[in-house]
Amino acid sequence: MEKLKFDGFINRYNLGGEVESVMVKSDDTNLSVRMISDDKTLLGDVTVAEAEFPNGEFGIYTTSQLKGLMSVLDNTISVEETTGALKFSDKGTKMQYMLAAPSVIPSVPDLKALPPFNVTITLDNDFVNKFIKSKGALADADTFTFTCKNGKGEIILGYSSINSNRISITVDCKCESDVSPIAFSAKYLKAILLANKGSSTSSMEISSQGLCKLAFTDGDFQSNYFLVEIK
């Protein structure tokens, strides 16, 4: 398999180090993972079409360590399962990563009954670049706040009921009605946008009941993320 594809899979769930421990599942056609952040405000799943990975479920406890080990390998690699480990190799190098027991991997709850999403926001390159730069400029801003009034939507970094340093980005959105300010994690949104930058299709939806959904498709990759409202 191509190491570049496996790296892309890891980057989409690891989100720059925000998610370390996951159960990776593989069958004859797909490699998939479901993840949850330590603070429980981010959930998601990533799937990539890949038939050259061993079938089964594999506990990855420290993804950053796996990434470091993978860095020594060339782009074309083979993967095999041995007792308690995955072995990766290229033409001249072999690497072994020890697997974790499922009991030490955080369980990810099923999102069976999603609330209705009453806001759709266009995720174009202009917004992605502006948000990433804005989060860099306001590094201490923990949340981004969405608000919509009279059909005009804004995403605000540094939002407060009193005067504050802030950046407001006008967004192209469809709102069923006015939406009172609702906040989600800014660091996770930035990490998600960076990991999926350049995707062929992308979408962002918000429910005023407290959930934000982001979905991306890029070639063989499909990624979905859910951000829980921060109050």
C-alpha atoms as a PDB file:
ATOM      1  CA  MET A   1       0.000   0.000   0.000  1.00  0.00           C
ATOM      2  CA  GLU A   2       1.005   3.637  -0.305  1.00  0.00           C
ATOM      3  CA  LYS A   3       2.349   5.134   2.909  1.00  0.00           C
ATOM      4  CA  LEU A   4       1.006   8.500   1.737  1.00  0.00           C
ATOM      5  CA  LYS A   5      -2.543   7.119   1.860  1.00  0.00           C
ATOM      6  CA  PHE A   6      -2.070   5.668   5.338  1.00  0.00           C
ATOM      7  CA  ASP A   7      -0.567   8.979   6.497  1.00  0.00           C
ATOM      8  CA  GLY A   8      -3.634  10.778   5.120  1.00  0.00           C
ATOM      9  CA  PHE A   9      -5.883   8.404   7.039  1.00  0.00           C
ATOM     10  CA  ILE A  10      -3.968   9.016  10.273  1.00  0.00           C
ATOM     11  CA  ASN A  11      -3.890  12.791   9.820  1.00  0.00           C
ATOM     12  CA  ARG A  12      -7.657  12.957   9.358  1.00  0.00           C
ATOM     13  CA  TYR A  13      -8.382  11.334  12.713  1.00  0.00           C
ATOM     14  CA  ASN A  14      -5.293  12.385  14.692  1.00  0.00           C
ATOM     15  CA  LEU A  15      -5.993  16.070  13.908  1.00  0.00           C
ATOM     16  CA  GLY A  16      -2.522  17.317  14.728  1.00  0.00           C
ATOM     17  CA  GLY A  17      -2.309  15.300  17.950  1.00  0.00           C
ATOM     18  CA  GLU A  18      -5.777  16.049  19.326  1.00  0.00           C
ATOM     19  CA  VAL A  19      -6.867  12.369  19.124  1.00  0.00           C
ATOM     20  CA  GLU A  20      -4.285   9.738  20.091  1.00  0.00           C
ATOM     21  CA  SER A  21      -6.094   6.488  20.970  1.00  0.00           C
ATOM     22  CA  VAL A  22      -8.415   4.711  18.522  1.00  0.00           C
ATOM     23  CA  MET A  23      -9.562   1.324  17.271  1.00  0.00           C
ATOM     24  CA  VAL A  24      -8.736   0.945  13.576  1.00  0.00           C
ATOM     25  CA  LYS A  25     -10.937  -1.496  11.659  1.00  0.00           C
ATOM     26  CA  SER A  26     -10.129  -3.071   8.317  1.00  0.00           C
ATOM     27  CA  ASP A  27     -12.054  -5.336   5.944  1.00  0.00           C
ATOM     28  CA  ASP A  28     -11.559  -6.388   2.336  1.00  0.00           C
ATOM     29  CA  THR A  29     -12.285  -2.924   0.966  1.00  0.00           C
ATOM     30  CA  ASN A  30     -12.008  -0.210   3.629  1.00  0.00           C
ATOM     31  CA  LEU A  31      -9.902   1.054   6.494  1.00  0.00           C
ATOM     32  CA  SER A  32     -11.988   2.939   9.071  1.00  0.00           C
ATOM     33  CA  VAL A  33     -11.833   4.519  12.495  1.00  0.00           C
ATOM     34  CA  ARG A  34     -14.186   6.204  14.951  1.00  0.00           C
ATOM     35  CA  MET A  35     -12.746   8.706  17.398  1.00  0.00           C
ATOM     36  CA  ILE A  36     -13.566  10.872  20.405  1.00  0.00           C
ATOM     37  CA  SER A  37     -11.540  13.623  22.036  1.00  0.00           C
ATOM     38  CA  ASP A  38     -10.468  13.526  25.686  1.00  0.00           C
ATOM     39  CA  ASP A  39     -12.943  16.293  26.577  1.00  0.00           C
ATOM     40  CA  LYS A  40     -15.799  14.504  24.747  1.00  0.00           C
ATOM     41  CA  THR A  41     -16.682  17.581  22.639  1.00  0.00           C
ATOM     42  CA  LEU A  42     -15.425  16.063  19.363  1.00  0.00           C
ATOM     43  CA  LEU A  43     -16.586  12.808  17.776  1.00  0.00           C
ATOM     44  CA  GLY A  44     -16.019  11.555  14.276  1.00  0.00           C
ATOM     45  CA  ASP A  45     -15.215   8.841  11.803  1.00  0.00           C
ATOM     46  CA  VAL A  46     -12.819   8.456   8.878  1.00  0.00           C
ATOM     47  CA  THR A  47     -12.969   5.864   6.096  1.00  0.00           C
ATOM     48  CA  VAL A  48     -10.584   5.240   3.211  1.00  0.00           C
ATOM     49  CA  ALA A  49     -10.800   2.669   0.431  1.00  0.00           C
ATOM     50  CA  GLU A  50      -7.845   0.350   1.039  1.00  0.00           C
ATOM     51  CA  ALA A  51      -7.625  -3.387   0.317  1.00  0.00           C
ATOM     52  CA  GLU A  52      -3.964  -4.005   1.210  1.00  0.00           C
ATOM     53  CA  PHE A  53      -4.283  -3.726   4.992  1.00  0.00           C
ATOM     54  CA  PRO A  54      -4.789  -6.847   7.152  1.00  0.00           C
ATOM     55  CA  ASN A  55      -8.405  -7.520   8.112  1.00  0.00           C
ATOM     56  CA  GLY A  56      -9.319  -7.050  11.751  1.00  0.00           C
ATOM     57  CA  GLU A  57      -9.485  -4.515  14.576  1.00  0.00           C
ATOM     58  CA  PHE A  58      -6.310  -2.889  15.871  1.00  0.00           C
ATOM     59  CA  GLY A  59      -5.858  -0.816  19.015  1.00  0.00           C
ATOM     60  CA  ILE A  60      -3.652   2.228  18.421  1.00  0.00           C
ATOM     61  CA  TYR A  61      -2.895   3.795  21.802  1.00  0.00           C
ATOM     62  CA  THR A  62      -0.327   6.473  20.888  1.00  0.00           C
ATOM     63  CA  THR A  63      -0.833   7.627  17.310  1.00  0.00           C
ATOM     64  CA  SER A  64       2.024  10.157  17.503  1.00  0.00           C
ATOM     65  CA  GLN A  65       4.422   7.284  18.194  1.00  0.00           C
ATOM     66  CA  LEU A  66       3.075   5.318  15.233  1.00  0.00           C
ATOM     67  CA  LYS A  67       3.550   8.373  12.997  1.00  0.00           C
ATOM     68  CA  GLY A  68       7.140   8.710  14.172  1.00  0.00           C
ATOM     69  CA  LEU A  69       7.894   5.072  13.411  1.00  0.00           C
ATOM     70  CA  MET A  70       6.224   5.333   9.999  1.00  0.00           C
ATOM     71  CA  SER A  71       8.483   8.254   9.057  1.00  0.00           C
ATOM     72  CA  VAL A  72      11.477   5.962   8.529  1.00  0.00           C
ATOM     73  CA  LEU A  73       9.731   3.991   5.764  1.00  0.00           C
ATOM     74  CA  ASP A  74       9.636   4.647   2.024  1.00  0.00           C
ATOM     75  CA  ASN A  75       6.367   5.432   0.249  1.00  0.00           C
ATOM     76  CA  THR A  76       5.531   1.867  -0.845  1.00  0.00           C
ATOM     77  CA  ILE A  77       5.008  -0.363   2.174  1.00  0.00           C
ATOM     78  CA  SER A  78       3.547  -3.723   3.128  1.00  0.00           C
ATOM     79  CA  VAL A  79       1.630  -4.380   6.352  1.00  0.00           C
ATOM     80  CA  GLU A  80       1.068  -7.628   8.191  1.00  0.00           C
ATOM     81  CA  GLU A  81      -0.399  -8.594  11.536  1.00  0.00           C
ATOM     82  CA  THR A  82       1.562 -10.633  14.044  1.00  0.00           C
ATOM     83  CA  THR A  83       0.659 -11.561  17.614  1.00  0.00           C
ATOM     84  CA  GLY A  84      -0.066  -8.281  19.386  1.00  0.00           C
ATOM     85  CA  ALA A  85       1.541  -6.088  16.738  1.00  0.00           C
ATOM     86  CA  LEU A  86       1.472  -4.659  13.238  1.00  0.00           C
ATOM     87  CA  LYS A  87       4.604  -4.997  11.117  1.00  0.00           C
ATOM     88  CA  PHE A  88       5.333  -2.428   8.405  1.00  0.00           C
ATOM     89  CA  SER A  89       8.137  -2.806   5.877  1.00  0.00           C
ATOM     90  CA  ASP A  90       9.559  -1.315   2.713  1.00  0.00           C
ATOM     91  CA  LYS A  91      12.333  -2.774   0.513  1.00  0.00           C
ATOM     92  CA  GLY A  92      15.028  -2.493   3.158  1.00  0.00           C
ATOM     93  CA  THR A  93      13.446  -1.509   6.480  1.00  0.00           C
ATOM     94  CA  LYS A  94      11.087  -3.239   8.891  1.00  0.00           C
ATOM     95  CA  MET A  95       9.137  -1.557  11.689  1.00  0.00           C
ATOM     96  CA  GLN A  96       6.915  -3.063  14.372  1.00  0.00           C
ATOM     97  CA  TYR A  97       4.189  -1.254  16.314  1.00  0.00           C
ATOM     98  CA  MET A  98       2.760  -2.924  19.418  1.00  0.00           C
ATOM     99  CA  LEU A  99      -1.039  -2.900  19.614  1.00  0.00           C
ATOM    100  CA  ALA A 100      -3.123  -1.908  22.626  1.00  0.00           C
ATOM    101  CA  ALA A 101      -5.957  -3.860  24.201  1.00  0.00           C
ATOM    102  CA  PRO A 102      -9.429  -2.585  23.245  1.00  0.00           C
ATOM    103  CA  SER A 103     -10.175  -2.018  26.946  1.00  0.00           C
ATOM    104  CA  VAL A 104      -7.715   0.913  27.113  1.00  0.00           C
ATOM    105  CA  ILE A 105      -9.097   2.660  24.004  1.00  0.00           C
ATOM    106  CA  PRO A 106     -11.866   5.240  24.680  1.00  0.00           C
ATOM    107  CA  SER A 107     -15.250   3.965  23.551  1.00  0.00           C
ATOM    108  CA  VAL A 108     -17.106   6.118  21.035  1.00  0.00           C
ATOM    109  CA  PRO A 109     -20.877   6.434  21.539  1.00  0.00           C
ATOM    110  CA  ASP A 110     -23.215   5.925  18.614  1.00  0.00           C
ATOM    111  CA  LEU A 111     -24.941   9.045  17.312  1.00  0.00           C
ATOM    112  CA  LYS A 112     -28.279   7.456  16.582  1.00  0.00           C
ATOM    113  CA  ALA A 113     -30.714  10.351  17.050  1.00  0.00           C
ATOM    114  CA  LEU A 114     -29.207  13.490  15.555  1.00  0.00           C
ATOM    115  CA  PRO A 115     -31.075  16.774  16.009  1.00  0.00           C
ATOM    116  CA  PRO A 116     -32.276  18.629  12.919  1.00  0.00           C
ATOM    117  CA  PHE A 117     -29.624  20.870  11.380  1.00  0.00           C
ATOM    118  CA  ASN A 118     -31.156  24.279  10.695  1.00  0.00           C
ATOM    119  CA  VAL A 119     -27.997  26.011   9.406  1.00  0.00           C
ATOM    120  CA  THR A 120     -25.841  25.143   6.372  1.00  0.00           C
ATOM    121  CA  ILE A 121     -22.550  26.996   5.915  1.00  0.00           C
ATOM    122  CA  THR A 122     -20.527  27.018   2.697  1.00  0.00           C
ATOM    123  CA  LEU A 123     -17.012  25.712   3.346  1.00  0.00           C
ATOM    124  CA  ASP A 124     -15.019  27.301   0.521  1.00  0.00           C
ATOM    125  CA  ASN A 125     -11.273  27.904   0.397  1.00  0.00           C
ATOM    126  CA  ASP A 126     -11.732  31.554   1.346  1.00  0.00           C
ATOM    127  CA  PHE A 127     -13.453  30.678   4.626  1.00  0.00           C
ATOM    128  CA  VAL A 128     -11.011  27.852   5.412  1.00  0.00           C
ATOM    129  CA  ASN A 129      -7.980  30.097   4.952  1.00  0.00           C
ATOM    130  CA  LYS A 130      -9.529  32.993   6.866  1.00  0.00           C
ATOM    131  CA  PHE A 131     -10.500  30.836   9.811  1.00  0.00           C
ATOM    132  CA  ILE A 132      -7.071  29.194  10.056  1.00  0.00           C
ATOM    133  CA  LYS A 133      -5.353  32.597   9.959  1.00  0.00           C
ATOM    134  CA  SER A 134      -7.838  34.054  12.441  1.00  0.00           C
ATOM    135  CA  LYS A 135      -7.258  31.244  14.946  1.00  0.00           C
ATOM    136  CA  GLY A 136      -3.535  31.854  14.600  1.00  0.00           C
ATOM    137  CA  ALA A 137      -4.024  35.557  15.287  1.00  0.00           C
ATOM    138  CA  LEU A 138      -6.262  34.866  18.319  1.00  0.00           C
ATOM    139  CA  ALA A 139      -4.495  31.795  19.646  1.00  0.00           C
ATOM    140  CA  ASP A 140      -6.143  32.147  23.079  1.00  0.00           C
ATOM    141  CA  ALA A 141      -9.669  32.004  21.634  1.00  0.00           C
ATOM    142  CA  ASP A 142     -10.996  28.645  22.830  1.00  0.00           C
ATOM    143  CA  THR A 143     -14.281  28.776  20.928  1.00  0.00           C
ATOM    144  CA  PHE A 144     -15.818  30.033  17.725  1.00  0.00           C
ATOM    145  CA  THR A 145     -19.340  31.402  17.912  1.00  0.00           C
ATOM    146  CA  PHE A 146     -21.932  31.253  15.160  1.00  0.00           C
ATOM    147  CA  THR A 147     -24.799  33.700  15.026  1.00  0.00           C
ATOM    148  CA  CYS A 148     -27.352  34.523  12.348  1.00  0.00           C
ATOM    149  CA  LYS A 149     -29.743  37.450  12.126  1.00  0.00           C
ATOM    150  CA  ASN A 150     -31.979  38.366   9.195  1.00  0.00           C
ATOM    151  CA  GLY A 151     -30.320  35.715   7.056  1.00  0.00           C
ATOM    152  CA  LYS A 152     -26.800  37.043   7.631  1.00  0.00           C
ATOM    153  CA  GLY A 153     -24.432  34.649   9.390  1.00  0.00           C
ATOM    154  CA  GLU A 154     -21.138  35.279  11.158  1.00  0.00           C
ATOM    155  CA  ILE A 155     -18.500  33.113  12.775  1.00  0.00           C
ATOM    156  CA  ILE A 156     -16.764  35.013  15.546  1.00  0.00           C
ATOM    157  CA  LEU A 157     -13.500  34.232  17.320  1.00  0.00           C
ATOM    158  CA  GLY A 158     -13.181  35.927  20.701  1.00  0.00           C
ATOM    159  CA  TYR A 159     -16.935  36.477  21.076  1.00  0.00           C
ATOM    160  CA  SER A 160     -18.057  37.948  24.392  1.00  0.00           C
ATOM    161  CA  SER A 161     -21.064  39.816  25.747  1.00  0.00           C
ATOM    162  CA  ILE A 162     -18.652  42.647  26.597  1.00  0.00           C
ATOM    163  CA  ASN A 163     -16.076  44.395  24.407  1.00  0.00           C
ATOM    164  CA  SER A 164     -13.223  42.046  23.500  1.00  0.00           C
ATOM    165  CA  ASN A 165     -10.533  41.358  20.938  1.00  0.00           C
ATOM    166  CA  ARG A 166     -12.380  39.445  18.244  1.00  0.00           C
ATOM    167  CA  ILE A 167     -12.450  38.527  14.583  1.00  0.00           C
ATOM    168  CA  SER A 168     -15.795  38.244  12.789  1.00  0.00           C
ATOM    169  CA  ILE A 169     -16.018  36.332   9.512  1.00  0.00           C
ATOM    170  CA  THR A 170     -19.110  36.743   7.356  1.00  0.00           C
ATOM    171  CA  VAL A 171     -20.161  33.336   6.038  1.00  0.00           C
ATOM    172  CA  ASP A 172     -22.315  32.226   3.134  1.00  0.00           C
ATOM    173  CA  CYS A 173     -25.057  30.318   4.933  1.00  0.00           C
ATOM    174  CA  LYS A 174     -28.652  29.209   4.811  1.00  0.00           C
ATOM    175  CA  CYS A 175     -30.542  29.667   8.086  1.00  0.00           C
ATOM    176  CA  GLU A 176     -34.139  28.606   8.641  1.00  0.00           C
ATOM    177  CA  SER A 177     -34.495  31.429  11.198  1.00  0.00           C
ATOM    178  CA  ASP A 178     -32.397  33.676  13.408  1.00  0.00           C
ATOM    179  CA  VAL A 179     -29.832  31.768  15.473  1.00  0.00           C
ATOM    180  CA  SER A 180     -28.703  32.975  18.878  1.00  0.00           C
ATOM    181  CA  PRO A 181     -24.947  32.823  19.537  1.00  0.00           C
ATOM    182  CA  ILE A 182     -23.798  29.206  19.830  1.00  0.00           C
ATOM    183  CA  ALA A 183     -20.190  28.192  20.538  1.00  0.00           C
ATOM    184  CA  PHE A 184     -17.988  25.235  19.615  1.00  0.00           C
ATOM    185  CA  SER A 185     -14.290  24.385  19.959  1.00  0.00           C
ATOM    186  CA  ALA A 186     -12.094  26.613  17.796  1.00  0.00           C
ATOM    187  CA  LYS A 187      -8.971  24.429  18.071  1.00  0.00           C
ATOM    188  CA  TYR A 188     -10.843  21.375  16.823  1.00  0.00           C
ATOM    189  CA  LEU A 189     -12.359  23.260  13.894  1.00  0.00           C
ATOM    190  CA  LYS A 190      -8.934  24.551  12.891  1.00  0.00           C
ATOM    191  CA  ALA A 191      -7.451  21.042  13.142  1.00  0.00           C
ATOM    192  CA  ILE A 192     -10.314  19.570  11.087  1.00  0.00           C
ATOM    193  CA  LEU A 193      -9.971  22.202   8.365  1.00  0.00           C
ATOM    194  CA  LEU A 194      -6.200  21.689   8.162  1.00  0.00           C
ATOM    195  CA  ALA A 195      -6.502  17.897   7.996  1.00  0.00           C
ATOM    196  CA  ASN A 196      -9.082  18.050   5.201  1.00  0.00           C
ATOM    197  CA  LYS A 197      -7.792  21.046   3.277  1.00  0.00           C
ATOM    198  CA  GLY A 198      -8.303  20.702  -0.464  1.00  0.00           C
ATOM    199  CA  SER A 199     -11.150  18.170  -0.211  1.00  0.00           C
ATOM    200  CA  SER A 200     -13.289  17.888  -3.326  1.00  0.00           C
ATOM    201  CA  THR A 201     -16.538  18.267  -1.364  1.00  0.00           C
ATOM    202  CA  SER A 202     -17.095  19.668   2.112  1.00  0.00           C
ATOM    203  CA  SER A 203     -20.024  20.792   4.217  1.00  0.00           C
ATOM    204  CA  MET A 204     -20.765  22.337   7.595  1.00  0.00           C
ATOM    205  CA  GLU A 205     -24.119  22.185   9.347  1.00  0.00           C
ATOM    206  CA  ILE A 206     -25.202  23.512  12.725  1.00  0.00           C
ATOM    207  CA  SER A 207     -28.132  22.587  14.912  1.00  0.00           C
ATOM    208  CA  SER A 208     -29.325  25.234  17.347  1.00  0.00           C
ATOM    209  CA  GLN A 209     -29.820  22.304  19.739  1.00  0.00           C
ATOM    210  CA  GLY A 210     -26.060  22.200  20.214  1.00  0.00           C
ATOM    211  CA  LEU A 211     -24.301  20.204  17.491  1.00  0.00           C
ATOM    212  CA  CYS A 212     -22.067  21.089  14.537  1.00  0.00           C
ATOM    213  CA  LYS A 213     -21.427  18.534  11.766  1.00  0.00           C
ATOM    214  CA  LEU A 214     -18.598  18.710   9.232  1.00  0.00           C
ATOM    215  CA  ALA A 215     -18.283  16.276   6.326  1.00  0.00           C
ATOM    216  CA  PHE A 216     -15.539  15.916   3.706  1.00  0.00           C
ATOM    217  CA  THR A 217     -14.907  13.746   0.660  1.00  0.00           C
ATOM    218  CA  ASP A 218     -11.517  13.659  -1.027  1.00  0.00           C
ATOM    219  CA  GLY A 219     -10.846  10.827  -3.455  1.00  0.00           C
ATOM    220  CA  ASP A 220     -10.864   7.595  -1.455  1.00  0.00           C
ATOM    221  CA  PHE A 221     -11.317   9.445   1.859  1.00  0.00           C
ATOM    222  CA  GLN A 222     -14.571  10.211   3.671  1.00  0.00           C
ATOM    223  CA  SER A 223     -14.449  12.107   6.967  1.00  0.00           C
ATOM    224  CA  ASN A 224     -17.220  13.163   9.353  1.00  0.00           C
ATOM    225  CA  TYR A 225     -16.873  15.182  12.536  1.00  0.00           C
ATOM    226  CA  PHE A 226     -19.315  16.296  15.222  1.00  0.00           C
ATOM    227  CA  LEU A 227     -18.594  19.190  17.577  1.00  0.00           C
ATOM    228  CA  VAL A 228     -20.659  19.469  20.764  1.00  0.00           C
ATOM    229  CA  GLU A 229     -21.722  22.923  21.937  1.00  0.00           C
ATOM    230  CA  ILE A 230     -19.491  24.534  24.573  1.00  0.00           C
ATOM    231  CA  LYS A 231     -21.475  26.595  27.074  1.00  0.00           C
END
